[in-house]
């Protein structure tokens, strides 16, 4: 696993902040002075970390864009609905920070690096995602394939809804939840070879078929190697899936 230089800088800033805080507690400063130094130190560490993170993410996107360009992708503004993302109740500030398209391995393909936020103020958190999508047969049923969500984390609107299509493969059904209006059509795609392959998937991976596109989303920021790997996984899904009646 490659470590970017700015990742090391961020770790060093965090470690320095912890060490500084411990030192403040043990230095024996007068209460008022200690409070001033503590607040000032916290502000300095937070600003330094935010600056390093901004530079790190910019460098990461530059590396990803360069690798995608080498694969034939061209950056462009993201068309409306091109990214398979359905906001949940606490999500806000969705934004696509990198979008590119290409004719890759003989099929129209697209990739997107996007983010959204949850919480506000001190509880605010930015979630980074990378998505690769390849055009699939238009006859494929629309569906979402993601890890099951516990009752405590499930939106109220889903508490009494369908549990999803079941393949009868106990290990697969525990690992994945299939949500589709056409459950039978979705099950046709889930061949034994595809199910076995998906059982080895990364934990933060999810899939979607919508509008004639198959997408794979990783719930984390990707470097240039991981971005290419996500693309390859979409191609692998296409090669292992079953074909509904009438699909090309």
C-alpha atoms as a PDB file:
ATOM      1  CA  UNK A   1       0.000   0.000   0.000  1.00  0.00           C
ATOM      2  CA  UNK A   2       1.454   3.356  -1.108  1.00  0.00           C
ATOM      3  CA  UNK A   3       1.382   6.199   1.382  1.00  0.00           C
ATOM      4  CA  UNK A   4       1.200   9.713   0.010  1.00  0.00           C
ATOM      5  CA  UNK A   5       3.650  12.227   1.561  1.00  0.00           C
ATOM      6  CA  UNK A   6       0.837  14.498   2.694  1.00  0.00           C
ATOM      7  CA  UNK A   7      -0.793  11.591   4.514  1.00  0.00           C
ATOM      8  CA  UNK A   8       2.383  11.374   6.592  1.00  0.00           C
ATOM      9  CA  UNK A   9       2.170  15.120   7.216  1.00  0.00           C
ATOM     10  CA  UNK A  10      -1.414  14.777   8.463  1.00  0.00           C
ATOM     11  CA  UNK A  11      -0.450  11.972  10.812  1.00  0.00           C
ATOM     12  CA  UNK A  12       2.449  14.063  12.100  1.00  0.00           C
ATOM     13  CA  UNK A  13       0.151  17.047  12.718  1.00  0.00           C
ATOM     14  CA  UNK A  14      -2.326  14.857  14.611  1.00  0.00           C
ATOM     15  CA  UNK A  15       0.458  13.307  16.702  1.00  0.00           C
ATOM     16  CA  UNK A  16       1.922  16.739  17.453  1.00  0.00           C
ATOM     17  CA  UNK A  17      -1.502  17.949  18.549  1.00  0.00           C
ATOM     18  CA  UNK A  18      -1.931  15.041  20.975  1.00  0.00           C
ATOM     19  CA  UNK A  19       1.592  15.478  22.343  1.00  0.00           C
ATOM     20  CA  UNK A  20       1.066  19.212  22.756  1.00  0.00           C
ATOM     21  CA  UNK A  21      -2.188  18.690  24.611  1.00  0.00           C
ATOM     22  CA  UNK A  22      -0.566  16.216  27.010  1.00  0.00           C
ATOM     23  CA  UNK A  23       2.296  18.649  27.587  1.00  0.00           C
ATOM     24  CA  UNK A  24      -0.167  21.470  28.376  1.00  0.00           C
ATOM     25  CA  UNK A  25      -1.838  19.295  31.003  1.00  0.00           C
ATOM     26  CA  UNK A  26       1.441  18.489  32.727  1.00  0.00           C
ATOM     27  CA  UNK A  27       3.309  21.806  32.345  1.00  0.00           C
ATOM     28  CA  UNK A  28       1.712  23.447  35.402  1.00  0.00           C
ATOM     29  CA  UNK A  29       0.681  26.712  33.718  1.00  0.00           C
ATOM     30  CA  UNK A  30      -1.738  29.000  35.628  1.00  0.00           C
ATOM     31  CA  UNK A  31      -5.323  28.101  34.815  1.00  0.00           C
ATOM     32  CA  UNK A  32      -6.074  31.152  32.660  1.00  0.00           C
ATOM     33  CA  UNK A  33      -2.821  30.883  30.765  1.00  0.00           C
ATOM     34  CA  UNK A  34      -3.235  27.150  30.220  1.00  0.00           C
ATOM     35  CA  UNK A  35      -6.728  27.704  28.802  1.00  0.00           C
ATOM     36  CA  UNK A  36      -5.421  30.335  26.364  1.00  0.00           C
ATOM     37  CA  UNK A  37      -2.569  28.103  25.209  1.00  0.00           C
ATOM     38  CA  UNK A  38      -4.886  25.102  24.895  1.00  0.00           C
ATOM     39  CA  UNK A  39      -7.473  26.889  22.745  1.00  0.00           C
ATOM     40  CA  UNK A  40      -4.771  28.500  20.632  1.00  0.00           C
ATOM     41  CA  UNK A  41      -2.982  25.193  20.162  1.00  0.00           C
ATOM     42  CA  UNK A  42      -6.175  23.379  19.194  1.00  0.00           C
ATOM     43  CA  UNK A  43      -7.015  26.066  16.633  1.00  0.00           C
ATOM     44  CA  UNK A  44      -3.517  25.894  15.147  1.00  0.00           C
ATOM     45  CA  UNK A  45      -3.584  22.095  14.870  1.00  0.00           C
ATOM     46  CA  UNK A  46      -7.064  22.078  13.294  1.00  0.00           C
ATOM     47  CA  UNK A  47      -6.100  24.718  10.719  1.00  0.00           C
ATOM     48  CA  UNK A  48      -2.839  22.953   9.904  1.00  0.00           C
ATOM     49  CA  UNK A  49      -4.622  19.611   9.486  1.00  0.00           C
ATOM     50  CA  UNK A  50      -7.337  21.131   7.272  1.00  0.00           C
ATOM     51  CA  UNK A  51      -4.693  22.737   5.081  1.00  0.00           C
ATOM     52  CA  UNK A  52      -2.733  19.497   4.752  1.00  0.00           C
ATOM     53  CA  UNK A  53      -5.917  17.542   4.001  1.00  0.00           C
ATOM     54  CA  UNK A  54      -6.918  20.019   1.281  1.00  0.00           C
ATOM     55  CA  UNK A  55      -3.507  19.698  -0.382  1.00  0.00           C
ATOM     56  CA  UNK A  56      -3.563  15.903   0.021  1.00  0.00           C
ATOM     57  CA  UNK A  57      -6.976  15.543  -1.619  1.00  0.00           C
ATOM     58  CA  UNK A  58      -5.968  17.870  -4.447  1.00  0.00           C
ATOM     59  CA  UNK A  59      -2.828  15.819  -5.060  1.00  0.00           C
ATOM     60  CA  UNK A  60      -4.824  12.565  -4.928  1.00  0.00           C
ATOM     61  CA  UNK A  61      -7.335  13.828  -7.508  1.00  0.00           C
ATOM     62  CA  UNK A  62      -4.486  14.988  -9.752  1.00  0.00           C
ATOM     63  CA  UNK A  63      -2.948  11.506  -9.663  1.00  0.00           C
ATOM     64  CA  UNK A  64      -6.299   9.825 -10.335  1.00  0.00           C
ATOM     65  CA  UNK A  65      -7.018  12.194 -13.243  1.00  0.00           C
ATOM     66  CA  UNK A  66      -3.590  11.489 -14.753  1.00  0.00           C
ATOM     67  CA  UNK A  67      -4.129   7.724 -14.570  1.00  0.00           C
ATOM     68  CA  UNK A  68      -7.600   7.997 -16.071  1.00  0.00           C
ATOM     69  CA  UNK A  69      -6.228  10.153 -18.900  1.00  0.00           C
ATOM     70  CA  UNK A  70      -3.693   7.409 -19.626  1.00  0.00           C
ATOM     71  CA  UNK A  71      -6.634   4.990 -19.949  1.00  0.00           C
ATOM     72  CA  UNK A  72      -8.334   7.301 -22.453  1.00  0.00           C
ATOM     73  CA  UNK A  73     -10.746   9.121 -20.149  1.00  0.00           C
ATOM     74  CA  UNK A  74     -11.498  12.790 -20.673  1.00  0.00           C
ATOM     75  CA  UNK A  75     -12.673  15.059 -17.881  1.00  0.00           C
ATOM     76  CA  UNK A  76     -16.042  16.773 -18.357  1.00  0.00           C
ATOM     77  CA  UNK A  77     -18.831  18.355 -16.301  1.00  0.00           C
ATOM     78  CA  UNK A  78     -21.008  15.653 -14.742  1.00  0.00           C
ATOM     79  CA  UNK A  79     -24.409  15.426 -16.505  1.00  0.00           C
ATOM     80  CA  UNK A  80     -27.497  15.478 -14.328  1.00  0.00           C
ATOM     81  CA  UNK A  81     -28.125  12.012 -12.910  1.00  0.00           C
ATOM     82  CA  UNK A  82     -24.858  10.543 -14.201  1.00  0.00           C
ATOM     83  CA  UNK A  83     -23.710   9.669 -10.683  1.00  0.00           C
ATOM     84  CA  UNK A  84     -25.691   6.892  -8.990  1.00  0.00           C
ATOM     85  CA  UNK A  85     -26.254   8.542  -5.635  1.00  0.00           C
ATOM     86  CA  UNK A  86     -29.440   8.658  -3.584  1.00  0.00           C
ATOM     87  CA  UNK A  87     -29.131  11.069  -0.642  1.00  0.00           C
ATOM     88  CA  UNK A  88     -30.219   9.816   2.744  1.00  0.00           C
ATOM     89  CA  UNK A  89     -31.922  11.900   5.407  1.00  0.00           C
ATOM     90  CA  UNK A  90     -28.779  13.373   7.010  1.00  0.00           C
ATOM     91  CA  UNK A  91     -26.778  13.877   3.823  1.00  0.00           C
ATOM     92  CA  UNK A  92     -26.105  17.349   2.474  1.00  0.00           C
ATOM     93  CA  UNK A  93     -23.587  19.316   0.367  1.00  0.00           C
ATOM     94  CA  UNK A  94     -23.267  16.668  -2.354  1.00  0.00           C
ATOM     95  CA  UNK A  95     -20.663  17.524  -4.975  1.00  0.00           C
ATOM     96  CA  UNK A  96     -18.784  15.872  -7.838  1.00  0.00           C
ATOM     97  CA  UNK A  97     -15.113  16.850  -7.697  1.00  0.00           C
ATOM     98  CA  UNK A  98     -13.914  14.765 -10.662  1.00  0.00           C
ATOM     99  CA  UNK A  99     -15.872  13.311 -13.575  1.00  0.00           C
ATOM    100  CA  UNK A 100     -14.537  11.694 -16.748  1.00  0.00           C
ATOM    101  CA  UNK A 101     -15.850   9.608 -19.660  1.00  0.00           C
ATOM    102  CA  UNK A 102     -14.326   7.224 -22.207  1.00  0.00           C
ATOM    103  CA  UNK A 103     -14.903   4.349 -24.583  1.00  0.00           C
ATOM    104  CA  UNK A 104     -13.128   1.766 -22.407  1.00  0.00           C
ATOM    105  CA  UNK A 105     -12.762  -1.883 -23.392  1.00  0.00           C
ATOM    106  CA  UNK A 106     -15.327  -1.342 -26.116  1.00  0.00           C
ATOM    107  CA  UNK A 107     -18.045   0.148 -23.889  1.00  0.00           C
ATOM    108  CA  UNK A 108     -19.055   3.624 -22.866  1.00  0.00           C
ATOM    109  CA  UNK A 109     -17.664   4.188 -19.377  1.00  0.00           C
ATOM    110  CA  UNK A 110     -17.584   6.961 -16.802  1.00  0.00           C
ATOM    111  CA  UNK A 111     -16.036   7.617 -13.429  1.00  0.00           C
ATOM    112  CA  UNK A 112     -16.815  10.098 -10.665  1.00  0.00           C
ATOM    113  CA  UNK A 113     -15.059  11.162  -7.496  1.00  0.00           C
ATOM    114  CA  UNK A 114     -17.759  12.688  -5.297  1.00  0.00           C
ATOM    115  CA  UNK A 115     -18.436  13.686  -1.736  1.00  0.00           C
ATOM    116  CA  UNK A 116     -21.241  14.560   0.634  1.00  0.00           C
ATOM    117  CA  UNK A 117     -21.415  15.721   4.227  1.00  0.00           C
ATOM    118  CA  UNK A 118     -23.285  14.718   7.357  1.00  0.00           C
ATOM    119  CA  UNK A 119     -23.799  16.710  10.530  1.00  0.00           C
ATOM    120  CA  UNK A 120     -23.177  20.385  11.156  1.00  0.00           C
ATOM    121  CA  UNK A 121     -20.685  22.416  13.139  1.00  0.00           C
ATOM    122  CA  UNK A 122     -18.366  20.280  15.241  1.00  0.00           C
ATOM    123  CA  UNK A 123     -20.240  17.148  14.173  1.00  0.00           C
ATOM    124  CA  UNK A 124     -19.706  17.855  10.469  1.00  0.00           C
ATOM    125  CA  UNK A 125     -18.014  15.070   8.503  1.00  0.00           C
ATOM    126  CA  UNK A 126     -17.085  14.765   4.828  1.00  0.00           C
ATOM    127  CA  UNK A 127     -17.582  11.376   3.164  1.00  0.00           C
ATOM    128  CA  UNK A 128     -15.595  10.735  -0.004  1.00  0.00           C
ATOM    129  CA  UNK A 129     -16.635   8.158  -2.617  1.00  0.00           C
ATOM    130  CA  UNK A 130     -15.390   6.873  -5.950  1.00  0.00           C
ATOM    131  CA  UNK A 131     -17.718   5.436  -8.577  1.00  0.00           C
ATOM    132  CA  UNK A 132     -17.050   3.693 -11.880  1.00  0.00           C
ATOM    133  CA  UNK A 133     -19.853   2.848 -14.309  1.00  0.00           C
ATOM    134  CA  UNK A 134     -20.050   0.988 -17.621  1.00  0.00           C
ATOM    135  CA  UNK A 135     -22.991   0.873 -20.001  1.00  0.00           C
ATOM    136  CA  UNK A 136     -24.939  -2.364 -19.647  1.00  0.00           C
ATOM    137  CA  UNK A 137     -27.742  -3.923 -21.722  1.00  0.00           C
ATOM    138  CA  UNK A 138     -30.842  -1.695 -21.492  1.00  0.00           C
ATOM    139  CA  UNK A 139     -32.941  -4.780 -20.716  1.00  0.00           C
ATOM    140  CA  UNK A 140     -31.188  -5.250 -17.390  1.00  0.00           C
ATOM    141  CA  UNK A 141     -33.576  -4.477 -14.510  1.00  0.00           C
ATOM    142  CA  UNK A 142     -32.838  -1.484 -12.322  1.00  0.00           C
ATOM    143  CA  UNK A 143     -31.614  -2.540  -8.915  1.00  0.00           C
ATOM    144  CA  UNK A 144     -29.375  -1.686  -5.976  1.00  0.00           C
ATOM    145  CA  UNK A 145     -27.018  -4.155  -4.368  1.00  0.00           C
ATOM    146  CA  UNK A 146     -25.628  -3.131  -1.001  1.00  0.00           C
ATOM    147  CA  UNK A 147     -24.814  -4.595   2.421  1.00  0.00           C
ATOM    148  CA  UNK A 148     -27.840  -5.182   4.672  1.00  0.00           C
ATOM    149  CA  UNK A 149     -28.601  -2.346   7.086  1.00  0.00           C
ATOM    150  CA  UNK A 150     -29.478  -3.021  10.721  1.00  0.00           C
ATOM    151  CA  UNK A 151     -32.838  -1.943  12.087  1.00  0.00           C
ATOM    152  CA  UNK A 152     -31.268   0.864  14.134  1.00  0.00           C
ATOM    153  CA  UNK A 153     -29.726   2.438  11.013  1.00  0.00           C
ATOM    154  CA  UNK A 154     -32.614   1.829   8.620  1.00  0.00           C
ATOM    155  CA  UNK A 155     -34.869   4.762   7.615  1.00  0.00           C
ATOM    156  CA  UNK A 156     -38.428   4.500   8.936  1.00  0.00           C
ATOM    157  CA  UNK A 157     -39.711   4.295   5.359  1.00  0.00           C
ATOM    158  CA  UNK A 158     -37.811   0.995   4.931  1.00  0.00           C
ATOM    159  CA  UNK A 159     -38.683  -0.638   8.252  1.00  0.00           C
ATOM    160  CA  UNK A 160     -41.842  -2.245   6.916  1.00  0.00           C
ATOM    161  CA  UNK A 161     -40.837  -2.521   3.263  1.00  0.00           C
ATOM    162  CA  UNK A 162     -39.595  -5.452   1.274  1.00  0.00           C
ATOM    163  CA  UNK A 163     -36.548  -7.273   2.577  1.00  0.00           C
ATOM    164  CA  UNK A 164     -35.245  -7.579  -0.977  1.00  0.00           C
ATOM    165  CA  UNK A 165     -35.004 -10.424  -3.434  1.00  0.00           C
ATOM    166  CA  UNK A 166     -33.478 -13.617  -2.030  1.00  0.00           C
ATOM    167  CA  UNK A 167     -31.190 -15.869  -4.047  1.00  0.00           C
ATOM    168  CA  UNK A 168     -31.413 -18.873  -1.728  1.00  0.00           C
ATOM    169  CA  UNK A 169     -27.629 -18.700  -1.284  1.00  0.00           C
ATOM    170  CA  UNK A 170     -27.460 -18.224   2.496  1.00  0.00           C
ATOM    171  CA  UNK A 171     -23.952 -16.735   2.577  1.00  0.00           C
ATOM    172  CA  UNK A 172     -24.747 -14.316  -0.245  1.00  0.00           C
ATOM    173  CA  UNK A 173     -28.094 -13.260   1.213  1.00  0.00           C
ATOM    174  CA  UNK A 174     -26.407 -12.451   4.528  1.00  0.00           C
ATOM    175  CA  UNK A 175     -23.721 -10.402   2.790  1.00  0.00           C
ATOM    176  CA  UNK A 176     -25.846  -8.560   0.224  1.00  0.00           C
ATOM    177  CA  UNK A 177     -29.307  -7.033  -0.056  1.00  0.00           C
ATOM    178  CA  UNK A 178     -30.935  -6.911  -3.506  1.00  0.00           C
ATOM    179  CA  UNK A 179     -33.434  -4.092  -3.955  1.00  0.00           C
ATOM    180  CA  UNK A 180     -35.304  -4.160  -7.259  1.00  0.00           C
ATOM    181  CA  UNK A 181     -38.836  -3.619  -8.529  1.00  0.00           C
ATOM    182  CA  UNK A 182     -38.292  -6.617 -10.796  1.00  0.00           C
ATOM    183  CA  UNK A 183     -36.906  -9.079  -8.262  1.00  0.00           C
ATOM    184  CA  UNK A 184     -37.047 -12.061 -10.637  1.00  0.00           C
ATOM    185  CA  UNK A 185     -35.135 -10.174 -13.309  1.00  0.00           C
ATOM    186  CA  UNK A 186     -32.502  -9.122 -10.778  1.00  0.00           C
ATOM    187  CA  UNK A 187     -32.050 -12.744  -9.663  1.00  0.00           C
ATOM    188  CA  UNK A 188     -31.340 -13.807 -13.254  1.00  0.00           C
ATOM    189  CA  UNK A 189     -28.233 -11.623 -13.140  1.00  0.00           C
ATOM    190  CA  UNK A 190     -26.979 -13.306  -9.949  1.00  0.00           C
ATOM    191  CA  UNK A 191     -25.285 -16.376 -11.403  1.00  0.00           C
ATOM    192  CA  UNK A 192     -23.363 -18.702  -9.040  1.00  0.00           C
ATOM    193  CA  UNK A 193     -20.077 -17.352 -10.454  1.00  0.00           C
ATOM    194  CA  UNK A 194     -21.130 -13.755  -9.826  1.00  0.00           C
ATOM    195  CA  UNK A 195     -22.389 -14.478  -6.304  1.00  0.00           C
ATOM    196  CA  UNK A 196     -19.160 -16.273  -5.344  1.00  0.00           C
ATOM    197  CA  UNK A 197     -17.118 -13.355  -6.684  1.00  0.00           C
ATOM    198  CA  UNK A 198     -19.219 -10.765  -4.853  1.00  0.00           C
ATOM    199  CA  UNK A 199     -18.746 -12.599  -1.561  1.00  0.00           C
ATOM    200  CA  UNK A 200     -15.091 -11.529  -1.715  1.00  0.00           C
ATOM    201  CA  UNK A 201     -15.946  -7.852  -2.300  1.00  0.00           C
ATOM    202  CA  UNK A 202     -14.557  -5.011  -0.167  1.00  0.00           C
ATOM    203  CA  UNK A 203     -16.904  -4.152   2.704  1.00  0.00           C
ATOM    204  CA  UNK A 204     -17.565  -0.569   1.574  1.00  0.00           C
ATOM    205  CA  UNK A 205     -18.599  -1.555  -1.939  1.00  0.00           C
ATOM    206  CA  UNK A 206     -22.089  -1.161  -3.368  1.00  0.00           C
ATOM    207  CA  UNK A 207     -23.633  -1.631  -6.809  1.00  0.00           C
ATOM    208  CA  UNK A 208     -26.412  -0.041  -8.832  1.00  0.00           C
ATOM    209  CA  UNK A 209     -28.065  -0.573 -12.206  1.00  0.00           C
ATOM    210  CA  UNK A 210     -29.940   2.493 -13.378  1.00  0.00           C
ATOM    211  CA  UNK A 211     -30.669   4.030 -16.752  1.00  0.00           C
ATOM    212  CA  UNK A 212     -28.733   1.397 -18.670  1.00  0.00           C
ATOM    213  CA  UNK A 213     -25.566   1.756 -16.572  1.00  0.00           C
ATOM    214  CA  UNK A 214     -23.943  -0.595 -14.072  1.00  0.00           C
ATOM    215  CA  UNK A 215     -21.989   1.220 -11.380  1.00  0.00           C
ATOM    216  CA  UNK A 216     -19.707   0.208  -8.534  1.00  0.00           C
ATOM    217  CA  UNK A 217     -19.145   2.672  -5.708  1.00  0.00           C
ATOM    218  CA  UNK A 218     -16.439   2.482  -3.077  1.00  0.00           C
ATOM    219  CA  UNK A 219     -17.300   4.392   0.080  1.00  0.00           C
ATOM    220  CA  UNK A 220     -13.868   5.950   0.456  1.00  0.00           C
ATOM    221  CA  UNK A 221     -11.395   8.099  -1.426  1.00  0.00           C
ATOM    222  CA  UNK A 222      -9.446   6.143  -4.041  1.00  0.00           C
ATOM    223  CA  UNK A 223      -5.912   6.593  -5.279  1.00  0.00           C
ATOM    224  CA  UNK A 224      -4.982   6.042  -8.932  1.00  0.00           C
ATOM    225  CA  UNK A 225      -4.488   2.281  -8.533  1.00  0.00           C
ATOM    226  CA  UNK A 226      -7.752   1.743  -6.677  1.00  0.00           C
ATOM    227  CA  UNK A 227      -9.656   3.825  -9.243  1.00  0.00           C
ATOM    228  CA  UNK A 228      -8.516   1.515 -12.027  1.00  0.00           C
ATOM    229  CA  UNK A 229      -9.393  -1.482  -9.883  1.00  0.00           C
ATOM    230  CA  UNK A 230     -12.985  -0.278  -9.456  1.00  0.00           C
ATOM    231  CA  UNK A 231     -13.324   0.034 -13.225  1.00  0.00           C
ATOM    232  CA  UNK A 232     -12.015  -3.496 -13.664  1.00  0.00           C
ATOM    233  CA  UNK A 233     -14.529  -4.779 -11.117  1.00  0.00           C
ATOM    234  CA  UNK A 234     -17.431  -3.354 -13.127  1.00  0.00           C
ATOM    235  CA  UNK A 235     -16.121  -5.125 -16.229  1.00  0.00           C
ATOM    236  CA  UNK A 236     -15.855  -8.348 -14.217  1.00  0.00           C
ATOM    237  CA  UNK A 237     -19.468  -8.037 -12.998  1.00  0.00           C
ATOM    238  CA  UNK A 238     -20.617  -7.640 -16.598  1.00  0.00           C
ATOM    239  CA  UNK A 239     -18.723 -10.767 -17.659  1.00  0.00           C
ATOM    240  CA  UNK A 240     -20.131 -12.958 -14.866  1.00  0.00           C
ATOM    241  CA  UNK A 241     -23.744 -11.798 -14.787  1.00  0.00           C
ATOM    242  CA  UNK A 242     -26.580 -13.788 -16.293  1.00  0.00           C
ATOM    243  CA  UNK A 243     -28.533 -12.380 -19.214  1.00  0.00           C
ATOM    244  CA  UNK A 244     -32.258 -11.658 -18.884  1.00  0.00           C
ATOM    245  CA  UNK A 245     -34.419 -12.676 -21.830  1.00  0.00           C
ATOM    246  CA  UNK A 246     -33.940 -10.260 -24.713  1.00  0.00           C
ATOM    247  CA  UNK A 247     -30.662  -8.795 -23.427  1.00  0.00           C
ATOM    248  CA  UNK A 248     -27.834  -8.375 -25.909  1.00  0.00           C
END
